[in-house]
Amino acid sequence: MLHRSVIAGSWYPGERNSLKFSIEAYLNEARIEAPASRPLALISPHAGHMYSGAVAAHAYKAVQGLSYETVVIVSPSHRMRFDFVAVWSAGAFETPLGLVEVDEQACRRLMQLSDIVINEPRPHVQEHALEIQLPFLQVALPAFRLVPLIMGDQTPELCFSLAEALKDAFPEPDKVLVVASSDLSHFHSVQAAADLDNRLANHLAAFDTASLASELASGAVEACGGGPILTAMRYAALRDCPRLTVVKQADSSAVSGDTASVVGYLAAVIA
């Protein structure tokens, strides 16, 4: 089963060479300190590349040139509501850079280990937040296989259950990379967005999943992919790696020029 791109040519360049050149330029411009250890997980934004590509590149810079057998992308659902984790469990995802094969065995293991992970392709068909990560992965990494997951509900219980299943499904953590897809606050002024996003970033840096979950629920902080972020952090904690570094933070005003209503972006590395 082939997942065809629904955002090539709009959210990112639709022509192979243009897309590759664009991603390489973002990666070349990103400057981060090399992680002290091999990254287990990343947090990356999911707006169009012209808005958040420069931020996303700072996360992918941390894994550029490394080898992972499997990449698990955990994305929120923007178009459908459901109370489980939807996996596209077979076939491949297509971008202008080529096909990314689904890790069918890993998908089966996840479904066997957890009844919250269900083979359901419909949420994937029009979802941008998962696909937007693929070109960066295709350029930054050698060949890899994909486990594509979309969360419906983003309750802490669902997130932590998914993290447990990921730990059990992948007994060799060095062979798997987890990517949490999330933007931050939406449609506030630059200053209000900075206040919200800095508060969330502080919870990340402190690796405080309890406070993060509580404040996501109350609205004290905002992240459309708060569930994927909590999942990645809990997964890392289960791997005895509660260390997160925010490597870049920005908002859409740098591109749009609109400071009255912005979207916040953040890139982070868990290693």
C-alpha atoms as a PDB file:
ATOM      1  CA  MET A   1       0.000   0.000   0.000  1.00  0.00           C
ATOM      2  CA  LEU A   2       1.523   3.297  -1.120  1.00  0.00           C
ATOM      3  CA  HIS A   3       1.021   6.558   0.765  1.00  0.00           C
ATOM      4  CA  ARG A   4       1.308   9.287  -1.844  1.00  0.00           C
ATOM      5  CA  SER A   5       2.449  12.743  -0.811  1.00  0.00           C
ATOM      6  CA  VAL A   6      -0.351  15.230  -0.243  1.00  0.00           C
ATOM      7  CA  ILE A   7       1.898  18.204   0.546  1.00  0.00           C
ATOM      8  CA  ALA A   8       4.724  18.057  -2.018  1.00  0.00           C
ATOM      9  CA  GLY A   9       4.715  21.262  -4.029  1.00  0.00           C
ATOM     10  CA  SER A  10       2.919  23.222  -1.322  1.00  0.00           C
ATOM     11  CA  TRP A  11       4.371  22.525   2.124  1.00  0.00           C
ATOM     12  CA  TYR A  12       7.775  21.782   0.621  1.00  0.00           C
ATOM     13  CA  PRO A  13       9.264  21.764  -2.915  1.00  0.00           C
ATOM     14  CA  GLY A  14       7.668  19.205  -5.200  1.00  0.00           C
ATOM     15  CA  GLU A  15      10.688  18.598  -7.413  1.00  0.00           C
ATOM     16  CA  ARG A  16      13.377  16.170  -6.234  1.00  0.00           C
ATOM     17  CA  ASN A  17      16.486  18.292  -6.775  1.00  0.00           C
ATOM     18  CA  SER A  18      14.899  21.449  -5.388  1.00  0.00           C
ATOM     19  CA  LEU A  19      13.752  19.604  -2.271  1.00  0.00           C
ATOM     20  CA  LYS A  20      17.128  17.956  -1.713  1.00  0.00           C
ATOM     21  CA  PHE A  21      18.955  21.269  -2.173  1.00  0.00           C
ATOM     22  CA  SER A  22      16.566  22.990   0.236  1.00  0.00           C
ATOM     23  CA  ILE A  23      16.990  20.369   2.967  1.00  0.00           C
ATOM     24  CA  GLU A  24      20.767  20.343   2.560  1.00  0.00           C
ATOM     25  CA  ALA A  25      20.840  24.136   2.853  1.00  0.00           C
ATOM     26  CA  TYR A  26      18.810  24.051   6.070  1.00  0.00           C
ATOM     27  CA  LEU A  27      21.117  21.387   7.528  1.00  0.00           C
ATOM     28  CA  ASN A  28      24.266  23.237   6.490  1.00  0.00           C
ATOM     29  CA  GLU A  29      23.050  26.419   8.162  1.00  0.00           C
ATOM     30  CA  ALA A  30      22.058  24.707  11.430  1.00  0.00           C
ATOM     31  CA  ARG A  31      24.635  24.971  14.212  1.00  0.00           C
ATOM     32  CA  ILE A  32      24.365  22.813  17.326  1.00  0.00           C
ATOM     33  CA  GLU A  33      26.697  21.242  19.846  1.00  0.00           C
ATOM     34  CA  ALA A  34      27.206  17.573  19.090  1.00  0.00           C
ATOM     35  CA  PRO A  35      25.147  15.415  21.487  1.00  0.00           C
ATOM     36  CA  ALA A  36      27.139  13.710  24.217  1.00  0.00           C
ATOM     37  CA  SER A  37      25.592  10.368  23.264  1.00  0.00           C
ATOM     38  CA  ARG A  38      23.621   8.823  20.438  1.00  0.00           C
ATOM     39  CA  PRO A  39      20.171  10.454  20.163  1.00  0.00           C
ATOM     40  CA  LEU A  40      17.184   8.305  21.107  1.00  0.00           C
ATOM     41  CA  ALA A  41      14.543  10.834  20.087  1.00  0.00           C
ATOM     42  CA  LEU A  42      13.947  14.225  18.478  1.00  0.00           C
ATOM     43  CA  ILE A  43      11.244  16.864  18.692  1.00  0.00           C
ATOM     44  CA  SER A  44      10.639  18.617  15.378  1.00  0.00           C
ATOM     45  CA  PRO A  45       8.026  21.138  14.179  1.00  0.00           C
ATOM     46  CA  HIS A  46       5.631  20.404  11.334  1.00  0.00           C
ATOM     47  CA  ALA A  47       4.730  23.638   9.578  1.00  0.00           C
ATOM     48  CA  GLY A  48       5.619  24.145   5.933  1.00  0.00           C
ATOM     49  CA  HIS A  49       9.366  24.051   5.409  1.00  0.00           C
ATOM     50  CA  MET A  50       9.512  27.759   4.576  1.00  0.00           C
ATOM     51  CA  TYR A  51       8.196  28.498   8.073  1.00  0.00           C
ATOM     52  CA  SER A  52       9.725  25.827  10.305  1.00  0.00           C
ATOM     53  CA  GLY A  53      12.314  24.067   8.152  1.00  0.00           C
ATOM     54  CA  ALA A  54      15.203  26.046   9.611  1.00  0.00           C
ATOM     55  CA  VAL A  55      14.101  25.068  13.124  1.00  0.00           C
ATOM     56  CA  ALA A  56      13.556  21.403  12.218  1.00  0.00           C
ATOM     57  CA  ALA A  57      17.041  21.239  10.719  1.00  0.00           C
ATOM     58  CA  HIS A  58      18.553  21.827  14.150  1.00  0.00           C
ATOM     59  CA  ALA A  59      16.984  18.589  15.406  1.00  0.00           C
ATOM     60  CA  TYR A  60      17.997  16.576  12.353  1.00  0.00           C
ATOM     61  CA  LYS A  61      21.522  18.007  12.465  1.00  0.00           C
ATOM     62  CA  ALA A  62      22.026  15.931  15.628  1.00  0.00           C
ATOM     63  CA  VAL A  63      21.516  12.662  13.732  1.00  0.00           C
ATOM     64  CA  GLN A  64      22.939  13.624  10.331  1.00  0.00           C
ATOM     65  CA  GLY A  65      25.055  10.775   8.988  1.00  0.00           C
ATOM     66  CA  LEU A  66      24.078   8.327  11.731  1.00  0.00           C
ATOM     67  CA  SER A  67      22.478   4.983  10.944  1.00  0.00           C
ATOM     68  CA  TYR A  68      19.154   3.778  12.350  1.00  0.00           C
ATOM     69  CA  GLU A  69      17.324   0.688  11.147  1.00  0.00           C
ATOM     70  CA  THR A  70      13.915   2.119  12.025  1.00  0.00           C
ATOM     71  CA  VAL A  71      12.484   5.595  12.557  1.00  0.00           C
ATOM     72  CA  VAL A  72       9.243   5.909  14.521  1.00  0.00           C
ATOM     73  CA  ILE A  73       7.395   9.151  13.794  1.00  0.00           C
ATOM     74  CA  VAL A  74       4.673  10.024  16.299  1.00  0.00           C
ATOM     75  CA  SER A  75       2.329  12.701  14.980  1.00  0.00           C
ATOM     76  CA  PRO A  76      -0.872  14.331  16.190  1.00  0.00           C
ATOM     77  CA  SER A  77      -4.030  14.093  14.111  1.00  0.00           C
ATOM     78  CA  HIS A  78      -5.239  17.386  12.672  1.00  0.00           C
ATOM     79  CA  ARG A  79      -8.212  16.117  10.632  1.00  0.00           C
ATOM     80  CA  MET A  80      -9.762  13.110  12.382  1.00  0.00           C
ATOM     81  CA  ARG A  81     -10.729  12.336  15.966  1.00  0.00           C
ATOM     82  CA  PHE A  82     -10.204   8.886  17.491  1.00  0.00           C
ATOM     83  CA  ASP A  83      -9.133   7.369  20.797  1.00  0.00           C
ATOM     84  CA  PHE A  84      -6.197   5.188  19.741  1.00  0.00           C
ATOM     85  CA  VAL A  85      -2.881   5.296  17.864  1.00  0.00           C
ATOM     86  CA  ALA A  86      -3.303   4.748  14.124  1.00  0.00           C
ATOM     87  CA  VAL A  87      -0.502   2.937  12.307  1.00  0.00           C
ATOM     88  CA  TRP A  88      -0.056   2.679   8.539  1.00  0.00           C
ATOM     89  CA  SER A  89       1.333  -0.828   8.772  1.00  0.00           C
ATOM     90  CA  ALA A  90       2.429  -1.850   5.274  1.00  0.00           C
ATOM     91  CA  GLY A  91       3.851  -0.574   2.019  1.00  0.00           C
ATOM     92  CA  ALA A  92       5.736   2.708   1.697  1.00  0.00           C
ATOM     93  CA  PHE A  93       5.492   6.488   1.945  1.00  0.00           C
ATOM     94  CA  GLU A  94       6.349   8.497  -1.154  1.00  0.00           C
ATOM     95  CA  THR A  95       8.064  11.887  -1.295  1.00  0.00           C
ATOM     96  CA  PRO A  96       9.856  13.556  -4.224  1.00  0.00           C
ATOM     97  CA  LEU A  97      13.065  12.045  -2.784  1.00  0.00           C
ATOM     98  CA  GLY A  98      11.785   8.486  -3.232  1.00  0.00           C
ATOM     99  CA  LEU A  99      10.034   5.792  -1.243  1.00  0.00           C
ATOM    100  CA  VAL A 100      10.397   5.147   2.482  1.00  0.00           C
ATOM    101  CA  GLU A 101       9.500   1.552   3.266  1.00  0.00           C
ATOM    102  CA  VAL A 102       7.290   0.809   6.248  1.00  0.00           C
ATOM    103  CA  ASP A 103       8.846  -1.509   8.832  1.00  0.00           C
ATOM    104  CA  GLU A 104       6.039  -4.033   8.668  1.00  0.00           C
ATOM    105  CA  GLN A 105       7.513  -6.393  11.263  1.00  0.00           C
ATOM    106  CA  ALA A 106       7.912  -3.587  13.787  1.00  0.00           C
ATOM    107  CA  CYS A 107       4.352  -2.423  13.146  1.00  0.00           C
ATOM    108  CA  ARG A 108       3.075  -5.931  13.766  1.00  0.00           C
ATOM    109  CA  ARG A 109       5.069  -6.172  16.999  1.00  0.00           C
ATOM    110  CA  LEU A 110       3.593  -2.904  18.230  1.00  0.00           C
ATOM    111  CA  MET A 111       0.052  -4.025  17.464  1.00  0.00           C
ATOM    112  CA  GLN A 112       0.670  -7.336  19.233  1.00  0.00           C
ATOM    113  CA  LEU A 113       2.130  -5.611  22.282  1.00  0.00           C
ATOM    114  CA  SER A 114      -0.509  -2.912  22.681  1.00  0.00           C
ATOM    115  CA  ASP A 115      -4.216  -2.805  21.944  1.00  0.00           C
ATOM    116  CA  ILE A 116      -4.050   0.988  21.569  1.00  0.00           C
ATOM    117  CA  VAL A 117      -2.028   0.662  18.334  1.00  0.00           C
ATOM    118  CA  ILE A 118      -4.445  -0.165  15.531  1.00  0.00           C
ATOM    119  CA  ASN A 119      -3.951  -0.685  11.809  1.00  0.00           C
ATOM    120  CA  GLU A 120      -5.951   2.274  10.505  1.00  0.00           C
ATOM    121  CA  PRO A 121      -4.677   4.117   7.409  1.00  0.00           C
ATOM    122  CA  ARG A 122      -7.447   6.715   7.087  1.00  0.00           C
ATOM    123  CA  PRO A 123      -5.968   9.326   9.471  1.00  0.00           C
ATOM    124  CA  HIS A 124      -2.718   9.171   7.494  1.00  0.00           C
ATOM    125  CA  VAL A 125      -4.132   9.976   4.072  1.00  0.00           C
ATOM    126  CA  GLN A 126      -4.323  13.771   4.447  1.00  0.00           C
ATOM    127  CA  GLU A 127      -2.125  14.304   7.523  1.00  0.00           C
ATOM    128  CA  HIS A 128       0.783  16.695   7.004  1.00  0.00           C
ATOM    129  CA  ALA A 129       2.449  16.485  10.417  1.00  0.00           C
ATOM    130  CA  LEU A 130       3.969  13.059   9.847  1.00  0.00           C
ATOM    131  CA  GLU A 131       4.881  13.385   6.183  1.00  0.00           C
ATOM    132  CA  ILE A 132       6.585  16.768   6.676  1.00  0.00           C
ATOM    133  CA  GLN A 133       9.377  15.008   8.615  1.00  0.00           C
ATOM    134  CA  LEU A 134      10.255  12.509   5.898  1.00  0.00           C
ATOM    135  CA  PRO A 135      12.395  14.644   3.548  1.00  0.00           C
ATOM    136  CA  PHE A 136      14.648  15.689   6.425  1.00  0.00           C
ATOM    137  CA  LEU A 137      15.073  12.052   7.424  1.00  0.00           C
ATOM    138  CA  GLN A 138      15.740  10.988   3.834  1.00  0.00           C
ATOM    139  CA  VAL A 139      18.564  13.512   3.508  1.00  0.00           C
ATOM    140  CA  ALA A 140      20.009  13.254   7.022  1.00  0.00           C
ATOM    141  CA  LEU A 141      20.056   9.463   7.355  1.00  0.00           C
ATOM    142  CA  PRO A 142      21.067   6.491   5.230  1.00  0.00           C
ATOM    143  CA  ALA A 143      18.278   4.095   4.287  1.00  0.00           C
ATOM    144  CA  PHE A 144      15.814   3.396   7.097  1.00  0.00           C
ATOM    145  CA  ARG A 145      12.390   1.860   7.552  1.00  0.00           C
ATOM    146  CA  LEU A 146       9.431   3.722   8.966  1.00  0.00           C
ATOM    147  CA  VAL A 147       6.889   3.140  11.708  1.00  0.00           C
ATOM    148  CA  PRO A 148       4.270   5.874  11.100  1.00  0.00           C
ATOM    149  CA  LEU A 149       2.019   6.573  14.086  1.00  0.00           C
ATOM    150  CA  ILE A 150      -0.751   9.155  14.438  1.00  0.00           C
ATOM    151  CA  MET A 151      -2.269   9.837  17.846  1.00  0.00           C
ATOM    152  CA  GLY A 152      -5.950  10.630  18.172  1.00  0.00           C
ATOM    153  CA  ASP A 153      -6.445  11.306  21.867  1.00  0.00           C
ATOM    154  CA  GLN A 154      -3.292  12.635  23.523  1.00  0.00           C
ATOM    155  CA  THR A 155      -4.000  11.707  27.130  1.00  0.00           C
ATOM    156  CA  PRO A 156      -0.974  11.016  29.344  1.00  0.00           C
ATOM    157  CA  GLU A 157      -2.265   7.469  29.784  1.00  0.00           C
ATOM    158  CA  LEU A 158      -2.235   6.868  26.029  1.00  0.00           C
ATOM    159  CA  CYS A 159       1.194   8.480  25.677  1.00  0.00           C
ATOM    160  CA  PHE A 160       2.782   6.452  28.441  1.00  0.00           C
ATOM    161  CA  SER A 161       1.195   3.222  27.205  1.00  0.00           C
ATOM    162  CA  LEU A 162       2.583   3.872  23.733  1.00  0.00           C
ATOM    163  CA  ALA A 163       6.028   4.587  25.186  1.00  0.00           C
ATOM    164  CA  GLU A 164       5.976   1.241  27.012  1.00  0.00           C
ATOM    165  CA  ALA A 165       5.015  -0.549  23.806  1.00  0.00           C
ATOM    166  CA  LEU A 166       7.830   1.168  21.894  1.00  0.00           C
ATOM    167  CA  LYS A 167      10.366   0.108  24.510  1.00  0.00           C
ATOM    168  CA  ASP A 168       9.184  -3.494  24.342  1.00  0.00           C
ATOM    169  CA  ALA A 169       8.971  -3.542  20.545  1.00  0.00           C
ATOM    170  CA  PHE A 170      12.559  -2.381  20.081  1.00  0.00           C
ATOM    171  CA  PRO A 171      14.925  -4.293  22.390  1.00  0.00           C
ATOM    172  CA  GLU A 172      17.985  -2.675  20.756  1.00  0.00           C
ATOM    173  CA  PRO A 173      17.509   1.074  21.304  1.00  0.00           C
ATOM    174  CA  ASP A 174      20.528   2.143  19.256  1.00  0.00           C
ATOM    175  CA  LYS A 175      18.762   0.877  16.142  1.00  0.00           C
ATOM    176  CA  VAL A 176      15.638   3.048  16.465  1.00  0.00           C
ATOM    177  CA  LEU A 177      15.007   6.799  16.436  1.00  0.00           C
ATOM    178  CA  VAL A 178      11.747   8.281  17.725  1.00  0.00           C
ATOM    179  CA  VAL A 179      10.602  11.599  16.218  1.00  0.00           C
ATOM    180  CA  ALA A 180       7.874  13.597  17.963  1.00  0.00           C
ATOM    181  CA  SER A 181       6.133  15.972  15.551  1.00  0.00           C
ATOM    182  CA  SER A 182       4.766  19.124  17.162  1.00  0.00           C
ATOM    183  CA  ASP A 183       4.337  22.853  16.789  1.00  0.00           C
ATOM    184  CA  LEU A 184       3.892  24.976  19.914  1.00  0.00           C
ATOM    185  CA  SER A 185       1.526  27.870  20.660  1.00  0.00           C
ATOM    186  CA  HIS A 186      -0.856  29.094  17.961  1.00  0.00           C
ATOM    187  CA  PHE A 187      -2.139  32.547  17.004  1.00  0.00           C
ATOM    188  CA  HIS A 188      -0.863  34.676  19.870  1.00  0.00           C
ATOM    189  CA  SER A 189       1.239  37.824  19.689  1.00  0.00           C
ATOM    190  CA  VAL A 190       4.996  37.365  19.525  1.00  0.00           C
ATOM    191  CA  GLN A 191       5.414  38.205  23.211  1.00  0.00           C
ATOM    192  CA  ALA A 192       2.530  36.028  24.409  1.00  0.00           C
ATOM    193  CA  ALA A 193       3.802  33.150  22.276  1.00  0.00           C
ATOM    194  CA  ALA A 194       7.304  33.554  23.679  1.00  0.00           C
ATOM    195  CA  ASP A 195       5.947  33.427  27.229  1.00  0.00           C
ATOM    196  CA  LEU A 196       3.967  30.247  26.534  1.00  0.00           C
ATOM    197  CA  ASP A 197       6.713  28.552  24.556  1.00  0.00           C
ATOM    198  CA  ASN A 198       9.479  29.419  27.014  1.00  0.00           C
ATOM    199  CA  ARG A 199       7.378  27.943  29.804  1.00  0.00           C
ATOM    200  CA  LEU A 200       7.000  24.712  27.834  1.00  0.00           C
ATOM    201  CA  ALA A 201      10.701  24.683  26.933  1.00  0.00           C
ATOM    202  CA  ASN A 202      11.567  24.932  30.621  1.00  0.00           C
ATOM    203  CA  HIS A 203       9.508  21.804  31.342  1.00  0.00           C
ATOM    204  CA  LEU A 204      11.332  20.030  28.531  1.00  0.00           C
ATOM    205  CA  ALA A 205      14.767  21.050  29.741  1.00  0.00           C
ATOM    206  CA  ALA A 206      13.863  19.909  33.269  1.00  0.00           C
ATOM    207  CA  PHE A 207      12.485  16.656  31.817  1.00  0.00           C
ATOM    208  CA  ASP A 208       9.362  17.250  33.875  1.00  0.00           C
ATOM    209  CA  THR A 209       6.680  15.181  32.164  1.00  0.00           C
ATOM    210  CA  ALA A 210       4.244  15.540  35.064  1.00  0.00           C
ATOM    211  CA  SER A 211       4.217  19.349  34.930  1.00  0.00           C
ATOM    212  CA  LEU A 212       4.183  19.313  31.146  1.00  0.00           C
ATOM    213  CA  ALA A 213       1.174  16.984  31.031  1.00  0.00           C
ATOM    214  CA  SER A 214      -0.665  19.023  33.662  1.00  0.00           C
ATOM    215  CA  GLU A 215      -0.078  22.351  31.946  1.00  0.00           C
ATOM    216  CA  LEU A 216      -0.923  21.010  28.490  1.00  0.00           C
ATOM    217  CA  ALA A 217      -4.256  19.876  29.938  1.00  0.00           C
ATOM    218  CA  SER A 218      -4.910  23.219  31.645  1.00  0.00           C
ATOM    219  CA  GLY A 219      -3.830  25.347  28.686  1.00  0.00           C
ATOM    220  CA  ALA A 220      -0.964  26.969  30.579  1.00  0.00           C
ATOM    221  CA  VAL A 221       1.249  25.795  27.705  1.00  0.00           C
ATOM    222  CA  GLU A 222       0.329  24.808  24.154  1.00  0.00           C
ATOM    223  CA  ALA A 223       1.599  22.170  21.736  1.00  0.00           C
ATOM    224  CA  CYS A 224      -0.556  20.510  19.099  1.00  0.00           C
ATOM    225  CA  GLY A 225       1.750  17.492  19.387  1.00  0.00           C
ATOM    226  CA  GLY A 226       1.955  17.486  23.162  1.00  0.00           C
ATOM    227  CA  GLY A 227       1.106  13.785  23.145  1.00  0.00           C
ATOM    228  CA  PRO A 228       3.959  12.843  20.810  1.00  0.00           C
ATOM    229  CA  ILE A 229       6.330  14.938  22.952  1.00  0.00           C
ATOM    230  CA  LEU A 230       5.213  13.181  26.147  1.00  0.00           C
ATOM    231  CA  THR A 231       5.545   9.824  24.397  1.00  0.00           C
ATOM    232  CA  ALA A 232       9.124  10.536  23.304  1.00  0.00           C
ATOM    233  CA  MET A 233      10.099  11.762  26.764  1.00  0.00           C
ATOM    234  CA  ARG A 234       8.541   8.784  28.523  1.00  0.00           C
ATOM    235  CA  TYR A 235      10.194   6.406  26.047  1.00  0.00           C
ATOM    236  CA  ALA A 236      13.574   8.001  26.763  1.00  0.00           C
ATOM    237  CA  ALA A 237      13.003   7.805  30.516  1.00  0.00           C
ATOM    238  CA  LEU A 238      12.250   4.096  30.184  1.00  0.00           C
ATOM    239  CA  ARG A 239      15.601   3.826  28.386  1.00  0.00           C
ATOM    240  CA  ASP A 240      17.302   5.583  31.331  1.00  0.00           C
ATOM    241  CA  CYS A 241      17.939   8.657  29.216  1.00  0.00           C
ATOM    242  CA  PRO A 242      16.111  11.594  30.862  1.00  0.00           C
ATOM    243  CA  ARG A 243      18.244  14.213  29.104  1.00  0.00           C
ATOM    244  CA  LEU A 244      16.736  16.710  26.681  1.00  0.00           C
ATOM    245  CA  THR A 245      18.362  19.705  25.005  1.00  0.00           C
ATOM    246  CA  VAL A 246      16.345  22.401  23.260  1.00  0.00           C
ATOM    247  CA  VAL A 247      18.532  23.262  20.268  1.00  0.00           C
ATOM    248  CA  LYS A 248      16.366  25.882  18.547  1.00  0.00           C
ATOM    249  CA  GLN A 249      13.249  27.916  19.234  1.00  0.00           C
ATOM    250  CA  ALA A 250      11.503  30.440  16.976  1.00  0.00           C
ATOM    251  CA  ASP A 251       8.127  31.510  15.637  1.00  0.00           C
ATOM    252  CA  SER A 252       6.503  32.170  12.289  1.00  0.00           C
ATOM    253  CA  SER A 253       6.965  35.946  12.406  1.00  0.00           C
ATOM    254  CA  ALA A 254      10.545  35.602  11.203  1.00  0.00           C
ATOM    255  CA  VAL A 255       9.134  34.514   7.825  1.00  0.00           C
ATOM    256  CA  SER A 256       5.636  35.995   7.718  1.00  0.00           C
ATOM    257  CA  GLY A 257       6.440  39.367   9.256  1.00  0.00           C
ATOM    258  CA  ASP A 258       3.175  39.130  11.206  1.00  0.00           C
ATOM    259  CA  THR A 259       3.906  39.692  14.896  1.00  0.00           C
ATOM    260  CA  ALA A 260       0.261  39.841  15.986  1.00  0.00           C
ATOM    261  CA  SER A 261      -0.556  36.177  15.345  1.00  0.00           C
ATOM    262  CA  VAL A 262       2.259  33.634  15.286  1.00  0.00           C
ATOM    263  CA  VAL A 263       2.919  29.907  15.581  1.00  0.00           C
ATOM    264  CA  GLY A 264       5.732  28.716  17.828  1.00  0.00           C
ATOM    265  CA  TYR A 265       8.359  26.159  16.805  1.00  0.00           C
ATOM    266  CA  LEU A 266      10.939  24.201  18.764  1.00  0.00           C
ATOM    267  CA  ALA A 267      13.587  21.594  18.007  1.00  0.00           C
ATOM    268  CA  ALA A 268      14.994  19.329  20.703  1.00  0.00           C
ATOM    269  CA  VAL A 269      17.304  16.351  21.025  1.00  0.00           C
ATOM    270  CA  ILE A 270      16.968  13.581  23.604  1.00  0.00           C
ATOM    271  CA  ALA A 271      20.327  11.862  24.013  1.00  0.00           C
END
